[in-house]
Amino acid sequence: MAAMSALLGGLICVLPNLYMARKLTAKRSADPSQLMSAFYAAEFGKIFITMALFALVFTTMEWIRPLTLLVGFSLAQIAQWLVPLLMPKSRNNRE
């Protein structure tokens, strides 16, 4: 149950971020105001989906371990911040 709780926590972090990335890459515009409005809309959607997923998990799954779920969520969030910083730069970016 602990592993499943941690996995669900990670998915609660990753799925809304995938939604946001999909929304932002689908909207290609040169107008800065359109880009900003698309960013705000995608961020609002991401936050809403995250809250909805947490509510869904906590209300429908009695077996869930809340602390393990939050640890899985936090680790996925930290990984999204650290991976770009720790990845070696490619040769194309150095030139």
PDB file of N, CA and C in Angstrom:
ATOM      1  N   MET A   1       0.819  -1.202   0.000  1.00  0.00           N
ATOM      2  CA  MET A   1       0.000   0.000   0.000  1.00  0.00           C
ATOM      3  C   MET A   1       0.862   1.265   0.000  1.00  0.00           C
ATOM      4  N   ALA A   2       2.011   1.184   0.653  1.00  0.00           N
ATOM      5  CA  ALA A   2       2.887   2.356   0.701  1.00  0.00           C
ATOM      6  C   ALA A   2       3.433   2.680  -0.677  1.00  0.00           C
ATOM      7  N   ALA A   3       3.840   1.649  -1.416  1.00  0.00           N
ATOM      8  CA  ALA A   3       4.372   1.884  -2.762  1.00  0.00           C
ATOM      9  C   ALA A   3       3.297   2.455  -3.679  1.00  0.00           C
ATOM     10  N   MET A   4       2.089   1.958  -3.568  1.00  0.00           N
ATOM     11  CA  MET A   4       0.993   2.471  -4.398  1.00  0.00           C
ATOM     12  C   MET A   4       0.660   3.912  -4.025  1.00  0.00           C
ATOM     13  N   SER A   5       0.726   4.233  -2.742  1.00  0.00           N
ATOM     14  CA  SER A   5       0.486   5.608  -2.298  1.00  0.00           C
ATOM     15  C   SER A   5       1.545   6.549  -2.865  1.00  0.00           C
ATOM     16  N   ALA A   6       2.816   6.126  -2.814  1.00  0.00           N
ATOM     17  CA  ALA A   6       3.899   6.955  -3.349  1.00  0.00           C
ATOM     18  C   ALA A   6       3.757   7.121  -4.862  1.00  0.00           C
ATOM     19  N   LEU A   7       3.389   6.048  -5.546  1.00  0.00           N
ATOM     20  CA  LEU A   7       3.181   6.122  -6.994  1.00  0.00           C
ATOM     21  C   LEU A   7       2.052   7.090  -7.342  1.00  0.00           C
ATOM     22  N   LEU A   8       0.957   7.011  -6.621  1.00  0.00           N
ATOM     23  CA  LEU A   8      -0.151   7.940  -6.865  1.00  0.00           C
ATOM     24  C   LEU A   8       0.266   9.380  -6.591  1.00  0.00           C
ATOM     25  N   GLY A   9       1.065   9.589  -5.557  1.00  0.00           N
ATOM     26  CA  GLY A   9       1.558  10.934  -5.274  1.00  0.00           C
ATOM     27  C   GLY A   9       2.406  11.464  -6.411  1.00  0.00           C
ATOM     28  N   GLY A  10       3.271  10.616  -6.955  1.00  0.00           N
ATOM     29  CA  GLY A  10       4.081  11.021  -8.111  1.00  0.00           C
ATOM     30  C   GLY A  10       3.229  11.329  -9.323  1.00  0.00           C
ATOM     31  N   LEU A  11       2.210  10.513  -9.552  1.00  0.00           N
ATOM     32  CA  LEU A  11       1.319  10.760 -10.695  1.00  0.00           C
ATOM     33  C   LEU A  11       0.512  12.042 -10.523  1.00  0.00           C
ATOM     34  N   ILE A  12       0.132  12.338  -9.276  1.00  0.00           N
ATOM     35  CA  ILE A  12      -0.595  13.588  -9.023  1.00  0.00           C
ATOM     36  C   ILE A  12       0.283  14.785  -9.353  1.00  0.00           C
ATOM     37  N   CYS A  13       1.571  14.640  -9.241  1.00  0.00           N
ATOM     38  CA  CYS A  13       2.491  15.716  -9.603  1.00  0.00           C
ATOM     39  C   CYS A  13       2.733  15.773 -11.110  1.00  0.00           C
ATOM     40  N   VAL A  14       2.950  14.631 -11.718  1.00  0.00           N
ATOM     41  CA  VAL A  14       3.382  14.579 -13.115  1.00  0.00           C
ATOM     42  C   VAL A  14       2.231  14.870 -14.089  1.00  0.00           C
ATOM     43  N   LEU A  15       1.053  14.315 -13.855  1.00  0.00           N
ATOM     44  CA  LEU A  15      -0.051  14.468 -14.812  1.00  0.00           C
ATOM     45  C   LEU A  15      -0.468  15.925 -15.042  1.00  0.00           C
ATOM     46  N   PRO A  16      -0.646  16.736 -13.992  1.00  0.00           N
ATOM     47  CA  PRO A  16      -0.974  18.143 -14.246  1.00  0.00           C
ATOM     48  C   PRO A  16       0.143  18.898 -14.975  1.00  0.00           C
ATOM     49  N   ASN A  17       1.392  18.540 -14.708  1.00  0.00           N
ATOM     50  CA  ASN A  17       2.499  19.182 -15.410  1.00  0.00           C
ATOM     51  C   ASN A  17       2.528  18.788 -16.884  1.00  0.00           C
ATOM     52  N   LEU A  18       2.160  17.550 -17.181  1.00  0.00           N
ATOM     53  CA  LEU A  18       2.039  17.146 -18.589  1.00  0.00           C
ATOM     54  C   LEU A  18       0.944  17.938 -19.291  1.00  0.00           C
ATOM     55  N   TYR A  19      -0.171  18.153 -18.585  1.00  0.00           N
ATOM     56  CA  TYR A  19      -1.251  18.963 -19.144  1.00  0.00           C
ATOM     57  C   TYR A  19      -0.754  20.372 -19.464  1.00  0.00           C
ATOM     58  N   MET A  20      -0.027  20.969 -18.527  1.00  0.00           N
ATOM     59  CA  MET A  20       0.472  22.329 -18.734  1.00  0.00           C
ATOM     60  C   MET A  20       1.461  22.383 -19.897  1.00  0.00           C
ATOM     61  N   ALA A  21       2.364  21.438 -19.947  1.00  0.00           N
ATOM     62  CA  ALA A  21       3.335  21.410 -21.044  1.00  0.00           C
ATOM     63  C   ALA A  21       2.638  21.239 -22.387  1.00  0.00           C
ATOM     64  N   ARG A  22       1.641  20.404 -22.420  1.00  0.00           N
ATOM     65  CA  ARG A  22       0.889  20.174 -23.666  1.00  0.00           C
ATOM     66  C   ARG A  22       0.167  21.449 -24.122  1.00  0.00           C
ATOM     67  N   LYS A  23      -0.453  22.135 -23.157  1.00  0.00           N
ATOM     68  CA  LYS A  23      -1.164  23.376 -23.496  1.00  0.00           C
ATOM     69  C   LYS A  23      -0.203  24.457 -23.989  1.00  0.00           C
ATOM     70  N   LEU A  24       0.959  24.563 -23.375  1.00  0.00           N
ATOM     71  CA  LEU A  24       1.892  25.622 -23.751  1.00  0.00           C
ATOM     72  C   LEU A  24       2.601  25.325 -25.063  1.00  0.00           C
ATOM     73  N   THR A  25       2.861  24.074 -25.360  1.00  0.00           N
ATOM     74  CA  THR A  25       3.525  23.755 -26.628  1.00  0.00           C
ATOM     75  C   THR A  25       2.550  23.751 -27.791  1.00  0.00           C
ATOM     76  N   ALA A  26       1.271  23.597 -27.528  1.00  0.00           N
ATOM     77  CA  ALA A  26       0.282  23.610 -28.601  1.00  0.00           C
ATOM     78  C   ALA A  26       0.002  25.028 -29.083  1.00  0.00           C
ATOM     79  N   LYS A  27       0.213  25.991 -28.216  1.00  0.00           N
ATOM     80  CA  LYS A  27      -0.093  27.389 -28.548  1.00  0.00           C
ATOM     81  C   LYS A  27       1.195  28.107 -28.931  1.00  0.00           C
ATOM     82  N   ARG A  28       1.456  28.218 -30.198  1.00  0.00           N
ATOM     83  CA  ARG A  28       2.649  28.932 -30.694  1.00  0.00           C
ATOM     84  C   ARG A  28       2.199  30.284 -31.231  1.00  0.00           C
ATOM     85  N   SER A  29       2.637  31.324 -30.552  1.00  0.00           N
ATOM     86  CA  SER A  29       2.259  32.664 -30.969  1.00  0.00           C
ATOM     87  C   SER A  29       3.432  33.605 -30.708  1.00  0.00           C
ATOM     88  N   ALA A  30       3.543  34.631 -31.532  1.00  0.00           N
ATOM     89  CA  ALA A  30       4.601  35.616 -31.346  1.00  0.00           C
ATOM     90  C   ALA A  30       4.141  36.764 -30.449  1.00  0.00           C
ATOM     91  N   ASP A  31       2.852  36.859 -30.211  1.00  0.00           N
ATOM     92  CA  ASP A  31       2.310  37.946 -29.405  1.00  0.00           C
ATOM     93  C   ASP A  31       2.521  37.648 -27.915  1.00  0.00           C
ATOM     94  N   PRO A  32       3.280  38.485 -27.212  1.00  0.00           N
ATOM     95  CA  PRO A  32       3.559  38.225 -25.795  1.00  0.00           C
ATOM     96  C   PRO A  32       2.306  38.175 -24.922  1.00  0.00           C
ATOM     97  N   SER A  33       1.304  38.985 -25.232  1.00  0.00           N
ATOM     98  CA  SER A  33       0.096  38.971 -24.403  1.00  0.00           C
ATOM     99  C   SER A  33      -0.649  37.643 -24.559  1.00  0.00           C
ATOM    100  N   GLN A  34      -0.653  37.068 -25.761  1.00  0.00           N
ATOM    101  CA  GLN A  34      -1.288  35.767 -25.954  1.00  0.00           C
ATOM    102  C   GLN A  34      -0.502  34.667 -25.240  1.00  0.00           C
ATOM    103  N   LEU A  35       0.823  34.777 -25.275  1.00  0.00           N
ATOM    104  CA  LEU A  35       1.641  33.794 -24.574  1.00  0.00           C
ATOM    105  C   LEU A  35       1.402  33.851 -23.072  1.00  0.00           C
ATOM    106  N   MET A  36       1.322  35.048 -22.525  1.00  0.00           N
ATOM    107  CA  MET A  36       1.088  35.190 -21.093  1.00  0.00           C
ATOM    108  C   MET A  36      -0.298  34.685 -20.702  1.00  0.00           C
ATOM    109  N   SER A  37      -1.301  34.985 -21.495  1.00  0.00           N
ATOM    110  CA  SER A  37      -2.641  34.501 -21.161  1.00  0.00           C
ATOM    111  C   SER A  37      -2.705  32.983 -21.274  1.00  0.00           C
ATOM    112  N   ALA A  38      -1.996  32.401 -22.254  1.00  0.00           N
ATOM    113  CA  ALA A  38      -1.951  30.939 -22.371  1.00  0.00           C
ATOM    114  C   ALA A  38      -1.222  30.344 -21.166  1.00  0.00           C
ATOM    115  N   PHE A  39      -0.160  31.001 -20.720  1.00  0.00           N
ATOM    116  CA  PHE A  39       0.575  30.520 -19.557  1.00  0.00           C
ATOM    117  C   PHE A  39      -0.299  30.552 -18.302  1.00  0.00           C
ATOM    118  N   TYR A  40      -0.997  31.664 -18.074  1.00  0.00           N
ATOM    119  CA  TYR A  40      -1.854  31.769 -16.897  1.00  0.00           C
ATOM    120  C   TYR A  40      -2.987  30.751 -16.939  1.00  0.00           C
ATOM    121  N   ALA A  41      -3.580  30.558 -18.098  1.00  0.00           N
ATOM    122  CA  ALA A  41      -4.653  29.573 -18.229  1.00  0.00           C
ATOM    123  C   ALA A  41      -4.132  28.160 -17.967  1.00  0.00           C
ATOM    124  N   ALA A  42      -2.958  27.846 -18.502  1.00  0.00           N
ATOM    125  CA  ALA A  42      -2.374  26.522 -18.291  1.00  0.00           C
ATOM    126  C   ALA A  42      -2.000  26.318 -16.826  1.00  0.00           C
ATOM    127  N   GLU A  43      -1.475  27.348 -16.185  1.00  0.00           N
ATOM    128  CA  GLU A  43      -1.114  27.245 -14.765  1.00  0.00           C
ATOM    129  C   GLU A  43      -2.355  27.063 -13.901  1.00  0.00           C
ATOM    130  N   PHE A  44      -3.417  27.793 -14.197  1.00  0.00           N
ATOM    131  CA  PHE A  44      -4.667  27.627 -13.460  1.00  0.00           C
ATOM    132  C   PHE A  44      -5.206  26.210 -13.642  1.00  0.00           C
ATOM    133  N   GLY A  45      -5.165  25.719 -14.879  1.00  0.00           N
ATOM    134  CA  GLY A  45      -5.618  24.349 -15.144  1.00  0.00           C
ATOM    135  C   GLY A  45      -4.784  23.329 -14.397  1.00  0.00           C
ATOM    136  N   LYS A  46      -3.482  23.547 -14.342  1.00  0.00           N
ATOM    137  CA  LYS A  46      -2.578  22.640 -13.630  1.00  0.00           C
ATOM    138  C   LYS A  46      -2.918  22.595 -12.145  1.00  0.00           C
ATOM    139  N   ILE A  47      -3.123  23.754 -11.543  1.00  0.00           N
ATOM    140  CA  ILE A  47      -3.453  23.811 -10.120  1.00  0.00           C
ATOM    141  C   ILE A  47      -4.806  23.159  -9.852  1.00  0.00           C
ATOM    142  N   PHE A  48      -5.770  23.416 -10.710  1.00  0.00           N
ATOM    143  CA  PHE A  48      -7.100  22.824 -10.555  1.00  0.00           C
ATOM    144  C   PHE A  48      -7.035  21.305 -10.667  1.00  0.00           C
ATOM    145  N   ILE A  49      -6.308  20.797 -11.652  1.00  0.00           N
ATOM    146  CA  ILE A  49      -6.188  19.346 -11.825  1.00  0.00           C
ATOM    147  C   ILE A  49      -5.482  18.725 -10.624  1.00  0.00           C
ATOM    148  N   THR A  50      -4.450  19.378 -10.113  1.00  0.00           N
ATOM    149  CA  THR A  50      -3.744  18.860  -8.941  1.00  0.00           C
ATOM    150  C   THR A  50      -4.682  18.765  -7.743  1.00  0.00           C
ATOM    151  N   MET A  51      -5.451  19.823  -7.489  1.00  0.00           N
ATOM    152  CA  MET A  51      -6.393  19.794  -6.370  1.00  0.00           C
ATOM    153  C   MET A  51      -7.455  18.725  -6.569  1.00  0.00           C
ATOM    154  N   ALA A  52      -7.950  18.600  -7.797  1.00  0.00           N
ATOM    155  CA  ALA A  52      -8.979  17.601  -8.077  1.00  0.00           C
ATOM    156  C   ALA A  52      -8.449  16.180  -7.886  1.00  0.00           C
ATOM    157  N   LEU A  53      -7.217  15.931  -8.312  1.00  0.00           N
ATOM    158  CA  LEU A  53      -6.639  14.602  -8.140  1.00  0.00           C
ATOM    159  C   LEU A  53      -6.415  14.274  -6.663  1.00  0.00           C
ATOM    160  N   PHE A  54      -5.926  15.250  -5.893  1.00  0.00           N
ATOM    161  CA  PHE A  54      -5.775  15.018  -4.456  1.00  0.00           C
ATOM    162  C   PHE A  54      -7.136  14.721  -3.821  1.00  0.00           C
ATOM    163  N   ALA A  55      -8.142  15.502  -4.155  1.00  0.00           N
ATOM    164  CA  ALA A  55      -9.479  15.284  -3.595  1.00  0.00           C
ATOM    165  C   ALA A  55     -10.020  13.915  -3.995  1.00  0.00           C
ATOM    166  N   LEU A  56      -9.822  13.539  -5.246  1.00  0.00           N
ATOM    167  CA  LEU A  56     -10.302  12.239  -5.728  1.00  0.00           C
ATOM    168  C   LEU A  56      -9.638  11.092  -4.973  1.00  0.00           C
ATOM    169  N   VAL A  57      -8.331  11.180  -4.805  1.00  0.00           N
ATOM    170  CA  VAL A  57      -7.599  10.115  -4.120  1.00  0.00           C
ATOM    171  C   VAL A  57      -8.007  10.040  -2.649  1.00  0.00           C
ATOM    172  N   PHE A  58      -8.083  11.181  -1.979  1.00  0.00           N
ATOM    173  CA  PHE A  58      -8.403  11.161  -0.555  1.00  0.00           C
ATOM    174  C   PHE A  58      -9.840  10.743  -0.278  1.00  0.00           C
ATOM    175  N   THR A  59     -10.761  11.014  -1.197  1.00  0.00           N
ATOM    176  CA  THR A  59     -12.164  10.665  -0.946  1.00  0.00           C
ATOM    177  C   THR A  59     -12.529   9.260  -1.400  1.00  0.00           C
ATOM    178  N   THR A  60     -11.831   8.718  -2.374  1.00  0.00           N
ATOM    179  CA  THR A  60     -12.237   7.416  -2.909  1.00  0.00           C
ATOM    180  C   THR A  60     -11.363   6.253  -2.463  1.00  0.00           C
ATOM    181  N   MET A  61     -10.180   6.515  -1.974  1.00  0.00           N
ATOM    182  CA  MET A  61      -9.264   5.429  -1.617  1.00  0.00           C
ATOM    183  C   MET A  61      -8.994   5.456  -0.121  1.00  0.00           C
ATOM    184  N   GLU A  62      -9.716   4.603   0.598  1.00  0.00           N
ATOM    185  CA  GLU A  62      -9.584   4.567   2.049  1.00  0.00           C
ATOM    186  C   GLU A  62      -8.238   4.004   2.486  1.00  0.00           C
ATOM    187  N   TRP A  63      -7.630   3.191   1.670  1.00  0.00           N
ATOM    188  CA  TRP A  63      -6.375   2.522   2.015  1.00  0.00           C
ATOM    189  C   TRP A  63      -5.145   3.410   1.832  1.00  0.00           C
ATOM    190  N   ILE A  64      -5.336   4.596   1.294  1.00  0.00           N
ATOM    191  CA  ILE A  64      -4.203   5.462   0.969  1.00  0.00           C
ATOM    192  C   ILE A  64      -3.462   5.873   2.240  1.00  0.00           C
ATOM    193  N   ARG A  65      -2.158   5.969   2.148  1.00  0.00           N
ATOM    194  CA  ARG A  65      -1.337   6.459   3.261  1.00  0.00           C
ATOM    195  C   ARG A  65      -0.954   7.904   2.945  1.00  0.00           C
ATOM    196  N   PRO A  66      -1.578   8.863   3.621  1.00  0.00           N
ATOM    197  CA  PRO A  66      -1.397  10.277   3.271  1.00  0.00           C
ATOM    198  C   PRO A  66       0.051  10.750   3.296  1.00  0.00           C
ATOM    199  N   LEU A  67       0.814  10.360   4.292  1.00  0.00           N
ATOM    200  CA  LEU A  67       2.198  10.821   4.376  1.00  0.00           C
ATOM    201  C   LEU A  67       3.021  10.281   3.207  1.00  0.00           C
ATOM    202  N   THR A  68       2.831   9.022   2.871  1.00  0.00           N
ATOM    203  CA  THR A  68       3.557   8.429   1.755  1.00  0.00           C
ATOM    204  C   THR A  68       3.135   9.059   0.437  1.00  0.00           C
ATOM    205  N   LEU A  69       1.859   9.370   0.302  1.00  0.00           N
ATOM    206  CA  LEU A  69       1.361  10.049  -0.891  1.00  0.00           C
ATOM    207  C   LEU A  69       2.032  11.413  -1.053  1.00  0.00           C
ATOM    208  N   LEU A  70       2.119  12.162   0.026  1.00  0.00           N
ATOM    209  CA  LEU A  70       2.744  13.480  -0.026  1.00  0.00           C
ATOM    210  C   LEU A  70       4.251  13.393  -0.262  1.00  0.00           C
ATOM    211  N   VAL A  71       4.894  12.354   0.257  1.00  0.00           N
ATOM    212  CA  VAL A  71       6.324  12.160  -0.009  1.00  0.00           C
ATOM    213  C   VAL A  71       6.539  11.857  -1.488  1.00  0.00           C
ATOM    214  N   GLY A  72       5.707  11.003  -2.070  1.00  0.00           N
ATOM    215  CA  GLY A  72       5.807  10.710  -3.499  1.00  0.00           C
ATOM    216  C   GLY A  72       5.585  11.957  -4.343  1.00  0.00           C
ATOM    217  N   PHE A  73       4.606  12.759  -3.969  1.00  0.00           N
ATOM    218  CA  PHE A  73       4.335  14.019  -4.667  1.00  0.00           C
ATOM    219  C   PHE A  73       5.536  14.954  -4.565  1.00  0.00           C
ATOM    220  N   SER A  74       6.083  15.085  -3.360  1.00  0.00           N
ATOM    221  CA  SER A  74       7.213  15.993  -3.139  1.00  0.00           C
ATOM    222  C   SER A  74       8.456  15.549  -3.891  1.00  0.00           C
ATOM    223  N   LEU A  75       8.729  14.249  -3.896  1.00  0.00           N
ATOM    224  CA  LEU A  75       9.904  13.751  -4.613  1.00  0.00           C
ATOM    225  C   LEU A  75       9.782  13.978  -6.118  1.00  0.00           C
ATOM    226  N   ALA A  76       8.592  13.781  -6.653  1.00  0.00           N
ATOM    227  CA  ALA A  76       8.391  14.045  -8.081  1.00  0.00           C
ATOM    228  C   ALA A  76       8.559  15.524  -8.386  1.00  0.00           C
ATOM    229  N   GLN A  77       8.079  16.374  -7.498  1.00  0.00           N
ATOM    230  CA  GLN A  77       8.211  17.819  -7.684  1.00  0.00           C
ATOM    231  C   GLN A  77       9.682  18.238  -7.633  1.00  0.00           C
ATOM    232  N   ILE A  78      10.411  17.726  -6.660  1.00  0.00           N
ATOM    233  CA  ILE A  78      11.833  18.057  -6.534  1.00  0.00           C
ATOM    234  C   ILE A  78      12.611  17.543  -7.742  1.00  0.00           C
ATOM    235  N   ALA A  79      12.263  16.359  -8.225  1.00  0.00           N
ATOM    236  CA  ALA A  79      12.946  15.802  -9.391  1.00  0.00           C
ATOM    237  C   ALA A  79      12.745  16.686 -10.615  1.00  0.00           C
ATOM    238  N   GLN A  80      11.561  17.265 -10.770  1.00  0.00           N
ATOM    239  CA  GLN A  80      11.312  18.154 -11.907  1.00  0.00           C
ATOM    240  C   GLN A  80      12.156  19.415 -11.822  1.00  0.00           C
ATOM    241  N   TRP A  81      12.506  19.832 -10.647  1.00  0.00           N
ATOM    242  CA  TRP A  81      13.358  21.018 -10.492  1.00  0.00           C
ATOM    243  C   TRP A  81      14.823  20.679 -10.672  1.00  0.00           C
ATOM    244  N   LEU A  82      15.244  19.518 -10.159  1.00  0.00           N
ATOM    245  CA  LEU A  82      16.664  19.186 -10.148  1.00  0.00           C
ATOM    246  C   LEU A  82      17.188  18.600 -11.456  1.00  0.00           C
ATOM    247  N   VAL A  83      16.376  17.838 -12.150  1.00  0.00           N
ATOM    248  CA  VAL A  83      16.864  17.178 -13.366  1.00  0.00           C
ATOM    249  C   VAL A  83      17.397  18.177 -14.388  1.00  0.00           C
ATOM    250  N   PRO A  84      16.707  19.260 -14.697  1.00  0.00           N
ATOM    251  CA  PRO A  84      17.295  20.216 -15.655  1.00  0.00           C
ATOM    252  C   PRO A  84      18.599  20.842 -15.167  1.00  0.00           C
ATOM    253  N   LEU A  85      18.741  21.001 -13.864  1.00  0.00           N
ATOM    254  CA  LEU A  85      19.969  21.587 -13.328  1.00  0.00           C
ATOM    255  C   LEU A  85      21.139  20.604 -13.356  1.00  0.00           C
ATOM    256  N   LEU A  86      20.835  19.325 -13.181  1.00  0.00           N
ATOM    257  CA  LEU A  86      21.889  18.323 -13.091  1.00  0.00           C
ATOM    258  C   LEU A  86      22.246  17.677 -14.429  1.00  0.00           C
ATOM    259  N   MET A  87      21.413  17.881 -15.441  1.00  0.00           N
ATOM    260  CA  MET A  87      21.691  17.291 -16.748  1.00  0.00           C
ATOM    261  C   MET A  87      22.896  17.985 -17.372  1.00  0.00           C
ATOM    262  N   PRO A  88      23.798  17.223 -17.965  1.00  0.00           N
ATOM    263  CA  PRO A  88      24.932  17.864 -18.634  1.00  0.00           C
ATOM    264  C   PRO A  88      24.450  18.646 -19.860  1.00  0.00           C
ATOM    265  N   LYS A  89      25.093  19.729 -20.110  1.00  0.00           N
ATOM    266  CA  LYS A  89      24.743  20.549 -21.275  1.00  0.00           C
ATOM    267  C   LYS A  89      25.171  19.818 -22.543  1.00  0.00           C
ATOM    268  N   SER A  90      24.317  19.904 -23.564  1.00  0.00           N
ATOM    269  CA  SER A  90      24.688  19.280 -24.832  1.00  0.00           C
ATOM    270  C   SER A  90      25.680  20.163 -25.572  1.00  0.00           C
ATOM    271  N   ARG A  91      26.339  19.602 -26.552  1.00  0.00           N
ATOM    272  CA  ARG A  91      27.323  20.374 -27.305  1.00  0.00           C
ATOM    273  C   ARG A  91      26.697  21.521 -28.085  1.00  0.00           C
ATOM    274  N   ASN A  92      25.460  21.348 -28.524  1.00  0.00           N
ATOM    275  CA  ASN A  92      24.808  22.406 -29.294  1.00  0.00           C
ATOM    276  C   ASN A  92      24.533  23.633 -28.439  1.00  0.00           C
ATOM    277  N   ASN A  93      24.305  23.457 -27.152  1.00  0.00           N
ATOM    278  CA  ASN A  93      24.036  24.585 -26.279  1.00  0.00           C
ATOM    279  C   ASN A  93      25.301  25.343 -25.886  1.00  0.00           C
ATOM    280  N   ARG A  94      26.456  24.708 -25.979  1.00  0.00           N
ATOM    281  CA  ARG A  94      27.713  25.365 -25.573  1.00  0.00           C
ATOM    282  C   ARG A  94      28.245  26.295 -26.639  1.00  0.00           C
ATOM    283  N   GLU A  95      27.891  26.067 -27.851  1.00  0.00           N
ATOM    284  CA  GLU A  95      28.462  26.880 -28.937  1.00  0.00           C
ATOM    285  C   GLU A  95      27.778  28.188 -29.118  1.00  0.00           C
TER     286      GLU A  95
END
